């Protein structure tokens, strides 16, 4: 079963290989907590195909600033190191899944 990857400034390059979803979140954020089980399911669904990652914006404010994250949750979609798309706010699993599939 796939598990999401916790990202920090030190290992953010992981998201730049292949296809990756990066969820910018914080523990105090209600919509982020609603999205958490969806992120877990996506990590299992896309295991071996795409990386599902999370960045705690409380701990990694530099990354949030670097990627222009102004509200959370913000989902960034990368392919081969290039930012391809983003979604802001809690989204359905289907919407997120389709965005990932479009990059594979």
PDB file of N, CA and C in Angstrom:
ATOM      1  N   UNK A   1       0.845  -1.202   0.000  1.00  0.00           N
ATOM      2  CA  UNK A   1       0.000   0.000   0.000  1.00  0.00           C
ATOM      3  C   UNK A   1       0.875   1.245   0.000  1.00  0.00           C
ATOM      4  N   UNK A   2       0.568   2.167  -0.873  1.00  0.00           N
ATOM      5  CA  UNK A   2       1.351   3.395  -0.980  1.00  0.00           C
ATOM      6  C   UNK A   2       1.102   4.323   0.190  1.00  0.00           C
ATOM      7  N   UNK A   3       2.092   5.105   0.497  1.00  0.00           N
ATOM      8  CA  UNK A   3       1.965   6.096   1.554  1.00  0.00           C
ATOM      9  C   UNK A   3       2.467   7.408   0.976  1.00  0.00           C
ATOM     10  N   UNK A   4       1.856   8.497   1.414  1.00  0.00           N
ATOM     11  CA  UNK A   4       2.334   9.792   0.923  1.00  0.00           C
ATOM     12  C   UNK A   4       3.716  10.089   1.505  1.00  0.00           C
ATOM     13  N   UNK A   5       4.403  11.015   0.862  1.00  0.00           N
ATOM     14  CA  UNK A   5       5.763  11.397   1.242  1.00  0.00           C
ATOM     15  C   UNK A   5       5.711  12.769   1.912  1.00  0.00           C
ATOM     16  N   UNK A   6       6.283  12.870   3.116  1.00  0.00           N
ATOM     17  CA  UNK A   6       6.391  14.173   3.800  1.00  0.00           C
ATOM     18  C   UNK A   6       7.561  14.928   3.174  1.00  0.00           C
ATOM     19  N   UNK A   7       7.294  16.118   2.666  1.00  0.00           N
ATOM     20  CA  UNK A   7       8.354  16.903   2.038  1.00  0.00           C
ATOM     21  C   UNK A   7       8.779  18.068   2.918  1.00  0.00           C
ATOM     22  N   UNK A   8      10.058  18.426   2.782  1.00  0.00           N
ATOM     23  CA  UNK A   8      10.613  19.607   3.425  1.00  0.00           C
ATOM     24  C   UNK A   8      11.533  20.275   2.405  1.00  0.00           C
ATOM     25  N   UNK A   9      12.124  21.379   2.776  1.00  0.00           N
ATOM     26  CA  UNK A   9      13.085  22.031   1.875  1.00  0.00           C
ATOM     27  C   UNK A   9      14.219  21.069   1.521  1.00  0.00           C
ATOM     28  N   UNK A  10      14.581  20.216   2.477  1.00  0.00           N
ATOM     29  CA  UNK A  10      15.718  19.308   2.282  1.00  0.00           C
ATOM     30  C   UNK A  10      15.450  18.241   1.227  1.00  0.00           C
ATOM     31  N   UNK A  11      14.203  17.767   1.120  1.00  0.00           N
ATOM     32  CA  UNK A  11      13.932  16.664   0.181  1.00  0.00           C
ATOM     33  C   UNK A  11      12.890  17.011  -0.884  1.00  0.00           C
ATOM     34  N   UNK A  12      12.615  18.294  -1.105  1.00  0.00           N
ATOM     35  CA  UNK A  12      11.562  18.679  -2.050  1.00  0.00           C
ATOM     36  C   UNK A  12      11.847  18.208  -3.476  1.00  0.00           C
ATOM     37  N   UNK A  13      13.120  17.969  -3.785  1.00  0.00           N
ATOM     38  CA  UNK A  13      13.473  17.504  -5.134  1.00  0.00           C
ATOM     39  C   UNK A  13      12.794  16.197  -5.498  1.00  0.00           C
ATOM     40  N   UNK A  14      12.369  15.413  -4.497  1.00  0.00           N
ATOM     41  CA  UNK A  14      11.632  14.166  -4.745  1.00  0.00           C
ATOM     42  C   UNK A  14      10.410  14.448  -5.618  1.00  0.00           C
ATOM     43  N   UNK A  15       9.759  15.593  -5.386  1.00  0.00           N
ATOM     44  CA  UNK A  15       8.549  15.948  -6.134  1.00  0.00           C
ATOM     45  C   UNK A  15       8.855  16.348  -7.571  1.00  0.00           C
ATOM     46  N   UNK A  16      10.132  16.506  -7.881  1.00  0.00           N
ATOM     47  CA  UNK A  16      10.497  16.975  -9.215  1.00  0.00           C
ATOM     48  C   UNK A  16      10.871  15.836 -10.150  1.00  0.00           C
ATOM     49  N   UNK A  17      10.669  14.598  -9.691  1.00  0.00           N
ATOM     50  CA  UNK A  17      10.955  13.432 -10.525  1.00  0.00           C
ATOM     51  C   UNK A  17       9.623  12.797 -10.920  1.00  0.00           C
ATOM     52  N   UNK A  18       9.392  12.661 -12.220  1.00  0.00           N
ATOM     53  CA  UNK A  18       8.152  12.044 -12.690  1.00  0.00           C
ATOM     54  C   UNK A  18       6.946  12.911 -12.371  1.00  0.00           C
ATOM     55  N   UNK A  19       5.832  12.266 -12.031  1.00  0.00           N
ATOM     56  CA  UNK A  19       4.578  12.968 -11.730  1.00  0.00           C
ATOM     57  C   UNK A  19       4.399  13.005 -10.214  1.00  0.00           C
ATOM     58  N   UNK A  20       4.058  14.184  -9.699  1.00  0.00           N
ATOM     59  CA  UNK A  20       3.869  14.320  -8.249  1.00  0.00           C
ATOM     60  C   UNK A  20       2.733  15.295  -7.943  1.00  0.00           C
ATOM     61  N   UNK A  21       1.986  14.941  -6.901  1.00  0.00           N
ATOM     62  CA  UNK A  21       0.996  15.829  -6.309  1.00  0.00           C
ATOM     63  C   UNK A  21       1.581  16.282  -4.979  1.00  0.00           C
ATOM     64  N   UNK A  22       1.599  17.595  -4.740  1.00  0.00           N
ATOM     65  CA  UNK A  22       2.085  18.114  -3.458  1.00  0.00           C
ATOM     66  C   UNK A  22       0.939  18.870  -2.784  1.00  0.00           C
ATOM     67  N   UNK A  23       0.556  18.375  -1.614  1.00  0.00           N
ATOM     68  CA  UNK A  23      -0.514  18.959  -0.805  1.00  0.00           C
ATOM     69  C   UNK A  23       0.115  19.866   0.246  1.00  0.00           C
ATOM     70  N   UNK A  24      -0.104  21.175   0.124  1.00  0.00           N
ATOM     71  CA  UNK A  24       0.335  22.131   1.151  1.00  0.00           C
ATOM     72  C   UNK A  24      -0.792  22.246   2.168  1.00  0.00           C
ATOM     73  N   UNK A  25      -0.511  21.929   3.439  1.00  0.00           N
ATOM     74  CA  UNK A  25      -1.529  21.827   4.477  1.00  0.00           C
ATOM     75  C   UNK A  25      -0.966  22.305   5.807  1.00  0.00           C
ATOM     76  N   UNK A  26      -1.830  22.359   6.818  1.00  0.00           N
ATOM     77  CA  UNK A  26      -1.410  22.640   8.196  1.00  0.00           C
ATOM     78  C   UNK A  26      -2.344  21.892   9.145  1.00  0.00           C
ATOM     79  N   UNK A  27      -1.830  21.505  10.327  1.00  0.00           N
ATOM     80  CA  UNK A  27      -2.632  20.709  11.262  1.00  0.00           C
ATOM     81  C   UNK A  27      -3.906  21.414  11.735  1.00  0.00           C
ATOM     82  N   UNK A  28      -3.906  22.738  11.800  1.00  0.00           N
ATOM     83  CA  UNK A  28      -5.053  23.493  12.320  1.00  0.00           C
ATOM     84  C   UNK A  28      -6.119  23.762  11.250  1.00  0.00           C
ATOM     85  N   UNK A  29      -5.863  23.375  10.018  1.00  0.00           N
ATOM     86  CA  UNK A  29      -6.740  23.708   8.884  1.00  0.00           C
ATOM     87  C   UNK A  29      -7.834  22.655   8.717  1.00  0.00           C
ATOM     88  N   UNK A  30      -9.103  23.047   8.928  1.00  0.00           N
ATOM     89  CA  UNK A  30     -10.233  22.126   8.808  1.00  0.00           C
ATOM     90  C   UNK A  30     -10.336  21.458   7.443  1.00  0.00           C
ATOM     91  N   UNK A  31     -10.365  22.242   6.347  1.00  0.00           N
ATOM     92  CA  UNK A  31     -10.442  21.625   5.009  1.00  0.00           C
ATOM     93  C   UNK A  31      -9.259  20.691   4.732  1.00  0.00           C
ATOM     94  N   UNK A  32      -8.093  21.008   5.297  1.00  0.00           N
ATOM     95  CA  UNK A  32      -6.921  20.129   5.118  1.00  0.00           C
ATOM     96  C   UNK A  32      -7.174  18.777   5.772  1.00  0.00           C
ATOM     97  N   UNK A  33      -7.772  18.805   6.960  1.00  0.00           N
ATOM     98  CA  UNK A  33      -8.072  17.559   7.667  1.00  0.00           C
ATOM     99  C   UNK A  33      -9.120  16.748   6.907  1.00  0.00           C
ATOM    100  N   UNK A  34     -10.080  17.440   6.274  1.00  0.00           N
ATOM    101  CA  UNK A  34     -11.086  16.746   5.454  1.00  0.00           C
ATOM    102  C   UNK A  34     -10.425  16.066   4.247  1.00  0.00           C
ATOM    103  N   UNK A  35      -9.399  16.692   3.717  1.00  0.00           N
ATOM    104  CA  UNK A  35      -8.723  16.190   2.521  1.00  0.00           C
ATOM    105  C   UNK A  35      -7.759  15.046   2.846  1.00  0.00           C
ATOM    106  N   UNK A  36      -7.302  14.949   4.096  1.00  0.00           N
ATOM    107  CA  UNK A  36      -6.270  13.970   4.469  1.00  0.00           C
ATOM    108  C   UNK A  36      -6.597  12.530   4.067  1.00  0.00           C
ATOM    109  N   UNK A  37      -7.836  12.026   4.338  1.00  0.00           N
ATOM    110  CA  UNK A  37      -8.126  10.642   3.920  1.00  0.00           C
ATOM    111  C   UNK A  37      -8.086  10.463   2.399  1.00  0.00           C
ATOM    112  N   UNK A  38      -8.455  11.500   1.661  1.00  0.00           N
ATOM    113  CA  UNK A  38      -8.402  11.454   0.192  1.00  0.00           C
ATOM    114  C   UNK A  38      -6.948  11.330  -0.262  1.00  0.00           C
ATOM    115  N   UNK A  39      -6.063  12.096   0.371  1.00  0.00           N
ATOM    116  CA  UNK A  39      -4.633  12.039   0.033  1.00  0.00           C
ATOM    117  C   UNK A  39      -4.099  10.628   0.300  1.00  0.00           C
ATOM    118  N   UNK A  40      -4.499  10.038   1.438  1.00  0.00           N
ATOM    119  CA  UNK A  40      -4.077   8.665   1.756  1.00  0.00           C
ATOM    120  C   UNK A  40      -4.553   7.685   0.685  1.00  0.00           C
ATOM    121  N   UNK A  41      -5.804   7.818   0.253  1.00  0.00           N
ATOM    122  CA  UNK A  41      -6.343   6.928  -0.787  1.00  0.00           C
ATOM    123  C   UNK A  41      -5.607   7.111  -2.108  1.00  0.00           C
ATOM    124  N   UNK A  42      -5.316   8.357  -2.461  1.00  0.00           N
ATOM    125  CA  UNK A  42      -4.600   8.622  -3.714  1.00  0.00           C
ATOM    126  C   UNK A  42      -3.198   8.025  -3.672  1.00  0.00           C
ATOM    127  N   UNK A  43      -2.554   8.073  -2.502  1.00  0.00           N
ATOM    128  CA  UNK A  43      -1.212   7.493  -2.359  1.00  0.00           C
ATOM    129  C   UNK A  43      -1.254   5.994  -2.656  1.00  0.00           C
ATOM    130  N   UNK A  44      -2.328   5.335  -2.215  1.00  0.00           N
ATOM    131  CA  UNK A  44      -2.486   3.906  -2.494  1.00  0.00           C
ATOM    132  C   UNK A  44      -2.831   3.683  -3.967  1.00  0.00           C
ATOM    133  N   UNK A  45      -3.754   4.484  -4.496  1.00  0.00           N
ATOM    134  CA  UNK A  45      -4.213   4.329  -5.883  1.00  0.00           C
ATOM    135  C   UNK A  45      -3.073   4.523  -6.890  1.00  0.00           C
ATOM    136  N   UNK A  46      -2.202   5.487  -6.614  1.00  0.00           N
ATOM    137  CA  UNK A  46      -1.158   5.843  -7.587  1.00  0.00           C
ATOM    138  C   UNK A  46       0.222   5.319  -7.194  1.00  0.00           C
ATOM    139  N   UNK A  47       0.265   4.378  -6.245  1.00  0.00           N
ATOM    140  CA  UNK A  47       1.528   3.796  -5.803  1.00  0.00           C
ATOM    141  C   UNK A  47       2.294   3.255  -7.005  1.00  0.00           C
ATOM    142  N   UNK A  48       3.528   3.697  -7.172  1.00  0.00           N
ATOM    143  CA  UNK A  48       4.350   3.241  -8.288  1.00  0.00           C
ATOM    144  C   UNK A  48       4.126   4.007  -9.576  1.00  0.00           C
ATOM    145  N   UNK A  49       3.104   4.878  -9.613  1.00  0.00           N
ATOM    146  CA  UNK A  49       2.818   5.643 -10.834  1.00  0.00           C
ATOM    147  C   UNK A  49       3.101   7.134 -10.651  1.00  0.00           C
ATOM    148  N   UNK A  50       2.697   7.650  -9.486  1.00  0.00           N
ATOM    149  CA  UNK A  50       2.892   9.077  -9.189  1.00  0.00           C
ATOM    150  C   UNK A  50       3.214   9.205  -7.706  1.00  0.00           C
ATOM    151  N   UNK A  51       3.948  10.256  -7.365  1.00  0.00           N
ATOM    152  CA  UNK A  51       4.266  10.511  -5.966  1.00  0.00           C
ATOM    153  C   UNK A  51       3.190  11.410  -5.367  1.00  0.00           C
ATOM    154  N   UNK A  52       2.678  11.030  -4.206  1.00  0.00           N
ATOM    155  CA  UNK A  52       1.697  11.833  -3.483  1.00  0.00           C
ATOM    156  C   UNK A  52       2.431  12.365  -2.253  1.00  0.00           C
ATOM    157  N   UNK A  53       2.524  13.686  -2.168  1.00  0.00           N
ATOM    158  CA  UNK A  53       3.372  14.307  -1.150  1.00  0.00           C
ATOM    159  C   UNK A  53       2.597  15.349  -0.349  1.00  0.00           C
ATOM    160  N   UNK A  54       3.092  15.625   0.863  1.00  0.00           N
ATOM    161  CA  UNK A  54       2.482  16.646   1.709  1.00  0.00           C
ATOM    162  C   UNK A  54       3.569  17.563   2.258  1.00  0.00           C
ATOM    163  N   UNK A  55       3.241  18.849   2.353  1.00  0.00           N
ATOM    164  CA  UNK A  55       4.130  19.837   2.964  1.00  0.00           C
ATOM    165  C   UNK A  55       3.353  20.541   4.071  1.00  0.00           C
ATOM    166  N   UNK A  56       3.852  20.451   5.294  1.00  0.00           N
ATOM    167  CA  UNK A  56       3.255  21.156   6.429  1.00  0.00           C
ATOM    168  C   UNK A  56       3.721  22.616   6.359  1.00  0.00           C
ATOM    169  N   UNK A  57       2.797  23.517   6.029  1.00  0.00           N
ATOM    170  CA  UNK A  57       3.181  24.921   5.815  1.00  0.00           C
ATOM    171  C   UNK A  57       3.625  25.602   7.112  1.00  0.00           C
ATOM    172  N   UNK A  58       3.211  25.094   8.271  1.00  0.00           N
ATOM    173  CA  UNK A  58       3.689  25.666   9.534  1.00  0.00           C
ATOM    174  C   UNK A  58       5.188  25.425   9.695  1.00  0.00           C
ATOM    175  N   UNK A  59       5.638  24.257   9.250  1.00  0.00           N
ATOM    176  CA  UNK A  59       7.044  23.877   9.405  1.00  0.00           C
ATOM    177  C   UNK A  59       7.895  24.290   8.210  1.00  0.00           C
ATOM    178  N   UNK A  60       7.279  24.471   7.061  1.00  0.00           N
ATOM    179  CA  UNK A  60       8.021  24.739   5.816  1.00  0.00           C
ATOM    180  C   UNK A  60       7.512  26.014   5.141  1.00  0.00           C
ATOM    181  N   UNK A  61       7.569  27.120   5.869  1.00  0.00           N
ATOM    182  CA  UNK A  61       7.045  28.377   5.334  1.00  0.00           C
ATOM    183  C   UNK A  61       7.798  28.840   4.098  1.00  0.00           C
ATOM    184  N   UNK A  62       9.100  28.533   4.017  1.00  0.00           N
ATOM    185  CA  UNK A  62       9.893  28.929   2.844  1.00  0.00           C
ATOM    186  C   UNK A  62       9.353  28.296   1.566  1.00  0.00           C
ATOM    187  N   UNK A  63       8.966  27.021   1.650  1.00  0.00           N
ATOM    188  CA  UNK A  63       8.406  26.340   0.470  1.00  0.00           C
ATOM    189  C   UNK A  63       7.063  26.953   0.083  1.00  0.00           C
ATOM    190  N   UNK A  64       6.248  27.266   1.083  1.00  0.00           N
ATOM    191  CA  UNK A  64       4.942  27.874   0.798  1.00  0.00           C
ATOM    192  C   UNK A  64       5.134  29.205   0.069  1.00  0.00           C
ATOM    193  N   UNK A  65       6.088  29.992   0.532  1.00  0.00           N
ATOM    194  CA  UNK A  65       6.375  31.285  -0.106  1.00  0.00           C
ATOM    195  C   UNK A  65       6.918  31.065  -1.520  1.00  0.00           C
ATOM    196  N   UNK A  66       7.849  30.131  -1.654  1.00  0.00           N
ATOM    197  CA  UNK A  66       8.472  29.865  -2.954  1.00  0.00           C
ATOM    198  C   UNK A  66       7.438  29.491  -4.015  1.00  0.00           C
ATOM    199  N   UNK A  67       6.407  28.732  -3.607  1.00  0.00           N
ATOM    200  CA  UNK A  67       5.393  28.289  -4.565  1.00  0.00           C
ATOM    201  C   UNK A  67       4.123  29.132  -4.519  1.00  0.00           C
ATOM    202  N   UNK A  68       4.169  30.273  -3.853  1.00  0.00           N
ATOM    203  CA  UNK A  68       3.057  31.212  -3.873  1.00  0.00           C
ATOM    204  C   UNK A  68       1.794  30.698  -3.213  1.00  0.00           C
ATOM    205  N   UNK A  69       1.942  29.829  -2.203  1.00  0.00           N
ATOM    206  CA  UNK A  69       0.786  29.272  -1.510  1.00  0.00           C
ATOM    207  C   UNK A  69       0.254  30.323  -0.538  1.00  0.00           C
ATOM    208  N   UNK A  70      -0.954  30.820  -0.817  1.00  0.00           N
ATOM    209  CA  UNK A  70      -1.553  31.865   0.011  1.00  0.00           C
ATOM    210  C   UNK A  70      -2.689  31.350   0.876  1.00  0.00           C
ATOM    211  N   UNK A  71      -3.331  30.282   0.438  1.00  0.00           N
ATOM    212  CA  UNK A  71      -4.378  29.669   1.265  1.00  0.00           C
ATOM    213  C   UNK A  71      -4.217  28.160   1.161  1.00  0.00           C
ATOM    214  N   UNK A  72      -4.657  27.468   2.201  1.00  0.00           N
ATOM    215  CA  UNK A  72      -4.505  26.024   2.221  1.00  0.00           C
ATOM    216  C   UNK A  72      -5.857  25.379   2.435  1.00  0.00           C
ATOM    217  N   UNK A  73      -6.058  24.162   1.970  1.00  0.00           N
ATOM    218  CA  UNK A  73      -5.062  23.378   1.236  1.00  0.00           C
ATOM    219  C   UNK A  73      -4.855  23.885  -0.199  1.00  0.00           C
ATOM    220  N   UNK A  74      -3.603  23.829  -0.638  1.00  0.00           N
ATOM    221  CA  UNK A  74      -3.260  24.081  -2.034  1.00  0.00           C
ATOM    222  C   UNK A  74      -2.597  22.819  -2.558  1.00  0.00           C
ATOM    223  N   UNK A  75      -3.073  22.332  -3.688  1.00  0.00           N
ATOM    224  CA  UNK A  75      -2.514  21.143  -4.322  1.00  0.00           C
ATOM    225  C   UNK A  75      -1.765  21.562  -5.579  1.00  0.00           C
ATOM    226  N   UNK A  76      -0.487  21.219  -5.626  1.00  0.00           N
ATOM    227  CA  UNK A  76       0.328  21.512  -6.808  1.00  0.00           C
ATOM    228  C   UNK A  76       0.622  20.211  -7.534  1.00  0.00           C
ATOM    229  N   UNK A  77       0.551  20.260  -8.856  1.00  0.00           N
ATOM    230  CA  UNK A  77       0.781  19.088  -9.695  1.00  0.00           C
ATOM    231  C   UNK A  77       2.039  19.315 -10.520  1.00  0.00           C
ATOM    232  N   UNK A  78       3.018  18.432 -10.349  1.00  0.00           N
ATOM    233  CA  UNK A  78       4.288  18.543 -11.056  1.00  0.00           C
ATOM    234  C   UNK A  78       4.463  17.390 -12.026  1.00  0.00           C
ATOM    235  N   UNK A  79       5.137  17.678 -13.137  1.00  0.00           N
ATOM    236  CA  UNK A  79       5.586  16.620 -14.046  1.00  0.00           C
ATOM    237  C   UNK A  79       7.012  16.949 -14.453  1.00  0.00           C
ATOM    238  N   UNK A  80       7.920  16.024 -14.161  1.00  0.00           N
ATOM    239  CA  UNK A  80       9.338  16.188 -14.490  1.00  0.00           C
ATOM    240  C   UNK A  80       9.876  17.539 -14.023  1.00  0.00           C
ATOM    241  N   UNK A  81       9.519  17.924 -12.806  1.00  0.00           N
ATOM    242  CA  UNK A  81      10.056  19.138 -12.205  1.00  0.00           C
ATOM    243  C   UNK A  81       9.330  20.410 -12.573  1.00  0.00           C
ATOM    244  N   UNK A  82       8.368  20.316 -13.471  1.00  0.00           N
ATOM    245  CA  UNK A  82       7.651  21.508 -13.926  1.00  0.00           C
ATOM    246  C   UNK A  82       6.270  21.566 -13.283  1.00  0.00           C
ATOM    247  N   UNK A  83       5.936  22.719 -12.719  1.00  0.00           N
ATOM    248  CA  UNK A  83       4.606  22.909 -12.141  1.00  0.00           C
ATOM    249  C   UNK A  83       3.600  22.981 -13.285  1.00  0.00           C
ATOM    250  N   UNK A  84       2.651  22.036 -13.306  1.00  0.00           N
ATOM    251  CA  UNK A  84       1.702  21.941 -14.421  1.00  0.00           C
ATOM    252  C   UNK A  84       0.323  22.484 -14.081  1.00  0.00           C
ATOM    253  N   UNK A  85      -0.070  22.387 -12.800  1.00  0.00           N
ATOM    254  CA  UNK A  85      -1.434  22.773 -12.442  1.00  0.00           C
ATOM    255  C   UNK A  85      -1.526  22.958 -10.944  1.00  0.00           C
ATOM    256  N   UNK A  86      -2.617  23.588 -10.497  1.00  0.00           N
ATOM    257  CA  UNK A  86      -2.855  23.679  -9.064  1.00  0.00           C
ATOM    258  C   UNK A  86      -4.339  23.798  -8.773  1.00  0.00           C
ATOM    259  N   UNK A  87      -4.701  23.329  -7.579  1.00  0.00           N
ATOM    260  CA  UNK A  87      -6.065  23.450  -7.077  1.00  0.00           C
ATOM    261  C   UNK A  87      -5.969  24.054  -5.683  1.00  0.00           C
ATOM    262  N   UNK A  88      -6.906  24.948  -5.363  1.00  0.00           N
ATOM    263  CA  UNK A  88      -6.931  25.547  -4.031  1.00  0.00           C
ATOM    264  C   UNK A  88      -8.244  25.174  -3.359  1.00  0.00           C
ATOM    265  N   UNK A  89      -8.151  24.772  -2.092  1.00  0.00           N
ATOM    266  CA  UNK A  89      -9.336  24.362  -1.344  1.00  0.00           C
ATOM    267  C   UNK A  89      -9.540  22.863  -1.418  1.00  0.00           C
ATOM    268  N   UNK A  90     -10.416  22.363  -0.545  1.00  0.00           N
ATOM    269  CA  UNK A  90     -10.708  20.925  -0.531  1.00  0.00           C
ATOM    270  C   UNK A  90     -11.386  20.539  -1.843  1.00  0.00           C
ATOM    271  N   UNK A  91     -10.904  19.467  -2.449  1.00  0.00           N
ATOM    272  CA  UNK A  91     -11.418  19.004  -3.739  1.00  0.00           C
ATOM    273  C   UNK A  91     -11.856  17.551  -3.610  1.00  0.00           C
ATOM    274  N   UNK A  92     -12.677  17.097  -4.547  1.00  0.00           N
ATOM    275  CA  UNK A  92     -13.099  15.698  -4.525  1.00  0.00           C
ATOM    276  C   UNK A  92     -11.953  14.813  -5.009  1.00  0.00           C
ATOM    277  N   UNK A  93     -11.995  13.569  -4.568  1.00  0.00           N
ATOM    278  CA  UNK A  93     -10.980  12.600  -4.999  1.00  0.00           C
ATOM    279  C   UNK A  93     -10.983  12.471  -6.517  1.00  0.00           C
ATOM    280  N   UNK A  94     -12.175  12.489  -7.116  1.00  0.00           N
ATOM    281  CA  UNK A  94     -12.282  12.320  -8.564  1.00  0.00           C
ATOM    282  C   UNK A  94     -11.556  13.445  -9.313  1.00  0.00           C
ATOM    283  N   UNK A  95     -11.754  14.679  -8.881  1.00  0.00           N
ATOM    284  CA  UNK A  95     -11.113  15.818  -9.554  1.00  0.00           C
ATOM    285  C   UNK A  95      -9.593  15.707  -9.461  1.00  0.00           C
ATOM    286  N   UNK A  96      -9.099  15.408  -8.256  1.00  0.00           N
ATOM    287  CA  UNK A  96      -7.651  15.303  -8.052  1.00  0.00           C
ATOM    288  C   UNK A  96      -7.087  14.138  -8.858  1.00  0.00           C
ATOM    289  N   UNK A  97      -7.783  13.011  -8.820  1.00  0.00           N
ATOM    290  CA  UNK A  97      -7.362  11.814  -9.535  1.00  0.00           C
ATOM    291  C   UNK A  97      -7.255  12.069 -11.045  1.00  0.00           C
ATOM    292  N   UNK A  98      -8.235  12.763 -11.601  1.00  0.00           N
ATOM    293  CA  UNK A  98      -8.222  13.057 -13.043  1.00  0.00           C
ATOM    294  C   UNK A  98      -7.050  13.955 -13.408  1.00  0.00           C
ATOM    295  N   UNK A  99      -6.733  14.920 -12.538  1.00  0.00           N
ATOM    296  CA  UNK A  99      -5.577  15.788 -12.824  1.00  0.00           C
ATOM    297  C   UNK A  99      -4.282  14.975 -12.839  1.00  0.00           C
ATOM    298  N   UNK A 100      -4.146  14.058 -11.873  1.00  0.00           N
ATOM    299  CA  UNK A 100      -2.934  13.228 -11.838  1.00  0.00           C
ATOM    300  C   UNK A 100      -2.864  12.354 -13.096  1.00  0.00           C
ATOM    301  N   UNK A 101      -3.985  11.705 -13.432  1.00  0.00           N
ATOM    302  CA  UNK A 101      -4.014  10.828 -14.619  1.00  0.00           C
ATOM    303  C   UNK A 101      -3.647  11.588 -15.888  1.00  0.00           C
ATOM    304  N   UNK A 102      -4.048  12.853 -15.979  1.00  0.00           N
ATOM    305  CA  UNK A 102      -3.763  13.628 -17.192  1.00  0.00           C
ATOM    306  C   UNK A 102      -2.263  13.889 -17.352  1.00  0.00           C
ATOM    307  N   UNK A 103      -1.502  13.750 -16.274  1.00  0.00           N
ATOM    308  CA  UNK A 103      -0.056  13.979 -16.342  1.00  0.00           C
ATOM    309  C   UNK A 103       0.755  12.688 -16.538  1.00  0.00           C
ATOM    310  N   UNK A 104       0.099  11.554 -16.337  1.00  0.00           N
ATOM    311  CA  UNK A 104       0.833  10.271 -16.448  1.00  0.00           C
ATOM    312  C   UNK A 104       1.102   9.908 -17.895  1.00  0.00           C
TER     313      UNK A 104
END
